[in-house]
């Protein structure tokens, strides 16, 4: 599978954009397949960058799917095109959210997970803009629908966000509180957030605010980890934390070995 398109219907009268996603890289489990996680790269990156790192992690029971975002004009770069899960002008609660782009990427992730066996636990994780998209997928799962109102079809069991932020944070708490089912899903969805205090690309405050908003919206099973001196990249200490947390949260075999 080298190229895919994703088109989510919004019911609006404006023409819908069609997004062409890049190559998807898959890291097969080396042991008994118990979980599948879609991992999303950051702005301007591609799936192969993370698949190489994920292949080295001591998580033999996880299958990793690393898609590549569409190449599109990005307002942050003055309209210059690069791989991006959605368009963005700045990282701010006051900035408008590209709902069409977010929905298309969340639908692409759900589509990648939808063909996994029924007994396999499913998760979404990512770095930077990929983390933002993973967290948006989490809110779609909790609310039971995409931003355009279409039903969200996948049962997620784990969310990981490294050096990211939370799109559509302004209305999340009210929307979750308005539904008993959404509140139940929020309370039970394991979520790990990690952020470096030295991040000069996505400021630490955005990660901290993300954790606060999710907690206030009822995400009870949430862990927020802070790393002194860590910039906008990952380090072994952080990936070790991810491995330990995923093993425990997903109930993977060999949890005492890693």
Protein backbone atom coordinates (compact mmCIF):
# COMPACT_ATOMS: atom_id res chain seq x y z
CA UNK A 1 0.00 0.00 0.00
CA UNK A 2 1.85 3.09 -1.18
CA UNK A 3 -0.80 5.75 -1.60
CA UNK A 4 -4.27 6.13 -0.23
CA UNK A 5 -6.89 8.82 -0.31
CA UNK A 6 -9.22 9.69 2.52
CA UNK A 7 -12.42 11.66 2.02
CA UNK A 8 -14.70 12.25 4.99
CA UNK A 9 -18.14 13.67 4.36
CA UNK A 10 -19.08 16.75 6.31
CA UNK A 11 -22.48 17.42 4.75
CA UNK A 12 -21.39 20.96 3.87
CA UNK A 13 -22.11 22.63 0.58
CA UNK A 14 -18.45 23.38 -0.08
CA UNK A 15 -16.43 20.88 -2.13
CA UNK A 16 -14.56 18.37 -0.01
CA UNK A 17 -10.82 18.11 -0.33
CA UNK A 18 -9.25 14.78 -1.17
CA UNK A 19 -6.06 13.98 0.71
CA UNK A 20 -3.42 11.69 -0.72
CA UNK A 21 -1.50 10.00 2.05
CA UNK A 22 2.07 8.87 1.51
CA UNK A 23 3.73 5.51 2.03
CA UNK A 24 2.83 3.43 5.08
CA UNK A 25 5.62 1.52 6.84
CA UNK A 26 4.77 -1.52 8.96
CA UNK A 27 6.89 -3.03 11.74
CA UNK A 28 5.73 -6.62 12.27
CA UNK A 29 5.61 -8.07 15.79
CA UNK A 30 8.52 -10.33 16.63
CA UNK A 31 6.47 -12.26 19.18
CA UNK A 32 2.81 -13.04 19.80
CA UNK A 33 0.75 -10.28 18.18
CA UNK A 34 -1.32 -8.68 20.95
CA UNK A 35 -1.63 -5.03 19.95
CA UNK A 36 -1.42 -2.75 16.92
CA UNK A 37 -0.48 0.91 17.24
CA UNK A 38 -0.56 3.54 14.50
CA UNK A 39 2.34 5.93 15.10
CA UNK A 40 2.20 9.41 13.55
CA UNK A 41 5.26 11.48 12.65
CA UNK A 42 5.74 15.21 13.11
CA UNK A 43 5.40 18.10 10.66
CA UNK A 44 7.57 17.66 7.56
CA UNK A 45 8.65 14.13 8.47
CA UNK A 46 7.62 10.72 7.09
CA UNK A 47 6.61 7.33 8.43
CA UNK A 48 9.94 5.63 7.76
CA UNK A 49 11.75 7.87 10.27
CA UNK A 50 9.79 6.47 13.19
CA UNK A 51 9.47 2.90 11.94
CA UNK A 52 13.25 2.52 12.22
CA UNK A 53 13.19 3.59 15.88
CA UNK A 54 10.07 1.61 16.80
CA UNK A 55 11.62 -1.56 15.40
CA UNK A 56 14.36 -1.34 18.06
CA UNK A 57 11.99 -1.12 21.04
CA UNK A 58 11.65 -4.15 23.36
CA UNK A 59 7.95 -4.57 22.55
CA UNK A 60 7.79 -7.84 20.57
CA UNK A 61 4.01 -8.16 20.85
CA UNK A 62 3.17 -4.87 19.14
CA UNK A 63 2.66 -4.30 15.44
CA UNK A 64 3.47 -0.71 14.47
CA UNK A 65 1.87 1.05 11.51
CA UNK A 66 3.66 4.25 10.47
CA UNK A 67 1.78 6.16 7.79
CA UNK A 68 3.05 9.26 6.00
CA UNK A 69 0.96 12.42 6.02
CA UNK A 70 -0.20 14.09 2.81
CA UNK A 71 1.95 16.87 1.38
CA UNK A 72 -0.03 20.10 1.56
CA UNK A 73 0.45 23.86 1.86
CA UNK A 74 1.00 24.79 5.51
CA UNK A 75 0.10 28.27 6.74
CA UNK A 76 2.83 28.15 9.39
CA UNK A 77 5.37 28.07 6.53
CA UNK A 78 3.65 30.75 4.47
CA UNK A 79 1.84 28.19 2.34
CA UNK A 80 4.95 26.18 1.50
CA UNK A 81 3.94 22.51 1.07
CA UNK A 82 5.25 19.75 3.32
CA UNK A 83 3.92 16.59 4.93
CA UNK A 84 1.31 17.57 7.51
CA UNK A 85 -1.65 15.82 9.16
CA UNK A 86 -3.60 19.09 9.06
CA UNK A 87 -3.03 22.74 8.25
CA UNK A 88 -1.93 25.09 11.02
CA UNK A 89 -0.90 28.70 11.33
CA UNK A 90 0.27 28.60 14.94
CA UNK A 91 0.01 26.47 18.06
CA UNK A 92 -2.58 28.33 20.09
CA UNK A 93 -5.95 27.71 21.69
CA UNK A 94 -7.21 30.77 19.85
CA UNK A 95 -6.04 29.63 16.41
CA UNK A 96 -8.70 28.08 14.16
CA UNK A 97 -8.60 24.30 13.87
CA UNK A 98 -8.43 22.69 10.43
CA UNK A 99 -11.35 20.37 11.10
CA UNK A 100 -11.41 18.92 7.61
CA UNK A 101 -7.73 18.01 7.78
CA UNK A 102 -8.02 16.63 11.31
CA UNK A 103 -11.03 14.51 10.38
CA UNK A 104 -9.34 13.18 7.24
CA UNK A 105 -6.22 12.14 9.18
CA UNK A 106 -8.21 10.63 12.05
CA UNK A 107 -10.28 8.68 9.51
CA UNK A 108 -7.10 7.46 7.79
CA UNK A 109 -5.79 6.21 11.16
CA UNK A 110 -9.09 4.48 11.93
CA UNK A 111 -9.07 2.88 8.48
CA UNK A 112 -5.58 1.48 9.05
CA UNK A 113 -6.73 -0.05 12.34
CA UNK A 114 -10.10 -1.32 11.10
CA UNK A 115 -8.67 -4.41 9.39
CA UNK A 116 -6.83 -5.71 12.47
CA UNK A 117 -8.11 -8.95 14.08
CA UNK A 118 -10.93 -8.56 16.60
CA UNK A 119 -8.84 -9.80 19.55
CA UNK A 120 -6.03 -7.29 18.98
CA UNK A 121 -5.87 -4.17 21.16
CA UNK A 122 -5.60 -0.93 19.19
CA UNK A 123 -3.79 2.31 19.91
CA UNK A 124 -2.63 5.59 18.39
CA UNK A 125 0.51 7.52 19.23
CA UNK A 126 2.63 10.24 17.76
CA UNK A 127 5.22 12.96 18.05
CA UNK A 128 4.55 16.73 17.82
CA UNK A 129 1.84 17.24 15.15
CA UNK A 130 1.48 13.45 15.13
CA UNK A 131 0.78 13.59 18.88
CA UNK A 132 -1.84 16.28 18.27
CA UNK A 133 -3.51 14.03 15.68
CA UNK A 134 -3.36 11.04 18.03
CA UNK A 135 -5.02 13.09 20.76
CA UNK A 136 -7.66 14.29 18.32
CA UNK A 137 -8.32 10.62 17.48
CA UNK A 138 -8.72 10.00 21.22
CA UNK A 139 -11.36 12.71 21.50
CA UNK A 140 -13.17 11.27 18.45
CA UNK A 141 -13.21 7.86 20.14
CA UNK A 142 -14.51 9.33 23.40
CA UNK A 143 -17.21 11.40 21.71
CA UNK A 144 -18.09 8.59 19.30
CA UNK A 145 -17.80 10.79 16.24
CA UNK A 146 -15.52 12.90 14.10
CA UNK A 147 -15.83 16.66 14.08
CA UNK A 148 -18.11 16.42 11.04
CA UNK A 149 -20.57 14.20 12.93
CA UNK A 150 -19.73 10.91 11.21
CA UNK A 151 -19.43 7.98 13.65
CA UNK A 152 -15.95 7.02 14.82
CA UNK A 153 -15.61 3.26 14.21
CA UNK A 154 -12.60 2.06 16.26
CA UNK A 155 -12.23 1.04 19.90
CA UNK A 156 -8.93 2.50 21.11
CA UNK A 157 -7.11 1.01 24.10
CA UNK A 158 -4.05 3.30 24.37
CA UNK A 159 -3.03 6.84 23.40
CA UNK A 160 0.54 8.20 23.47
CA UNK A 161 1.49 11.80 22.79
CA UNK A 162 5.11 13.01 22.79
CA UNK A 163 5.87 16.74 22.62
CA UNK A 164 2.40 17.56 21.35
CA UNK A 165 -0.70 19.62 21.97
CA UNK A 166 -4.48 19.20 21.94
CA UNK A 167 -6.55 20.44 18.99
CA UNK A 168 -10.16 21.53 19.58
CA UNK A 169 -9.52 21.87 23.31
CA UNK A 170 -11.94 24.76 23.89
CA UNK A 171 -15.15 22.72 23.73
CA UNK A 172 -13.95 19.28 24.80
CA UNK A 173 -14.99 19.36 28.45
CA UNK A 174 -18.56 20.50 27.74
CA UNK A 175 -18.99 17.92 24.99
CA UNK A 176 -17.79 15.06 27.19
CA UNK A 177 -19.91 16.15 30.16
CA UNK A 178 -22.99 16.25 27.92
CA UNK A 179 -22.84 12.48 27.34
CA UNK A 180 -22.67 9.72 29.94
CA UNK A 181 -21.17 7.38 27.36
CA UNK A 182 -18.47 9.90 26.43
CA UNK A 183 -17.65 10.41 30.11
CA UNK A 184 -17.35 6.66 30.59
CA UNK A 185 -15.03 6.30 27.61
CA UNK A 186 -12.89 9.26 28.71
CA UNK A 187 -12.47 7.84 32.19
CA UNK A 188 -11.29 4.44 30.92
CA UNK A 189 -8.98 5.38 28.01
CA UNK A 190 -5.30 4.98 29.01
CA UNK A 191 -3.36 8.06 27.89
CA UNK A 192 0.35 8.87 28.23
CA UNK A 193 1.68 12.37 27.60
CA UNK A 194 5.40 13.23 27.64
CA UNK A 195 6.98 16.65 27.19
CA UNK A 196 10.41 18.21 27.61
CA UNK A 197 10.93 21.38 29.61
CA UNK A 198 13.46 22.52 27.00
CA UNK A 199 11.13 22.17 24.01
CA UNK A 200 11.56 25.32 21.88
CA UNK A 201 9.22 24.17 19.07
CA UNK A 202 6.11 23.05 20.96
CA UNK A 203 6.51 24.85 24.28
CA UNK A 204 6.21 22.80 27.46
CA UNK A 205 3.19 24.88 28.45
CA UNK A 206 1.20 23.41 25.56
CA UNK A 207 1.83 19.88 26.82
CA UNK A 208 0.98 20.90 30.37
CA UNK A 209 -2.22 22.61 29.19
CA UNK A 210 -3.12 19.52 27.18
CA UNK A 211 -2.87 17.34 30.29
CA UNK A 212 -4.95 19.83 32.29
CA UNK A 213 -7.72 20.02 29.67
CA UNK A 214 -7.92 16.26 29.25
CA UNK A 215 -7.99 15.74 33.03
CA UNK A 216 -10.75 18.32 33.47
CA UNK A 217 -12.69 16.62 30.65
CA UNK A 218 -12.68 13.35 32.60
CA UNK A 219 -9.63 11.50 31.28
CA UNK A 220 -8.96 9.72 34.59
CA UNK A 221 -6.42 7.19 33.31
CA UNK A 222 -3.89 9.82 32.21
CA UNK A 223 -0.18 10.06 32.97
CA UNK A 224 1.86 13.21 32.26
CA UNK A 225 5.64 12.89 32.28
CA UNK A 226 8.06 15.84 32.30
CA UNK A 227 11.71 15.64 31.20
CA UNK A 228 14.27 18.21 32.33
CA UNK A 229 16.42 19.56 29.51
CA UNK A 230 14.59 17.64 26.77
CA UNK A 231 14.04 19.63 23.58
CA UNK A 232 11.86 18.80 20.59
CA UNK A 233 13.11 15.25 20.15
CA UNK A 234 12.98 11.95 21.99
CA UNK A 235 15.55 10.26 24.23
CA UNK A 236 16.00 6.69 25.56
CA UNK A 237 14.61 7.67 28.97
CA UNK A 238 11.36 8.73 27.29
CA UNK A 239 11.06 5.69 25.01
CA UNK A 240 11.75 3.45 28.02
CA UNK A 241 8.82 5.13 29.76
CA UNK A 242 6.62 4.50 26.73
CA UNK A 243 7.61 0.82 26.64
CA UNK A 244 6.90 0.32 30.34
CA UNK A 245 3.59 2.16 30.15
CA UNK A 246 2.35 0.36 27.01
CA UNK A 247 3.27 -3.03 28.44
CA UNK A 248 1.27 -2.34 31.59
CA UNK A 249 -1.66 -0.53 29.96
CA UNK A 250 -2.16 -3.12 27.24
CA UNK A 251 -1.43 -6.11 29.46
CA UNK A 252 1.29 -7.38 27.13
CA UNK A 253 3.13 -10.63 27.69
CA UNK A 254 6.57 -10.43 29.23
CA UNK A 255 5.84 -7.24 31.18
CA UNK A 256 8.42 -8.20 33.81
CA UNK A 257 11.12 -8.73 31.21
CA UNK A 258 11.31 -5.18 29.95
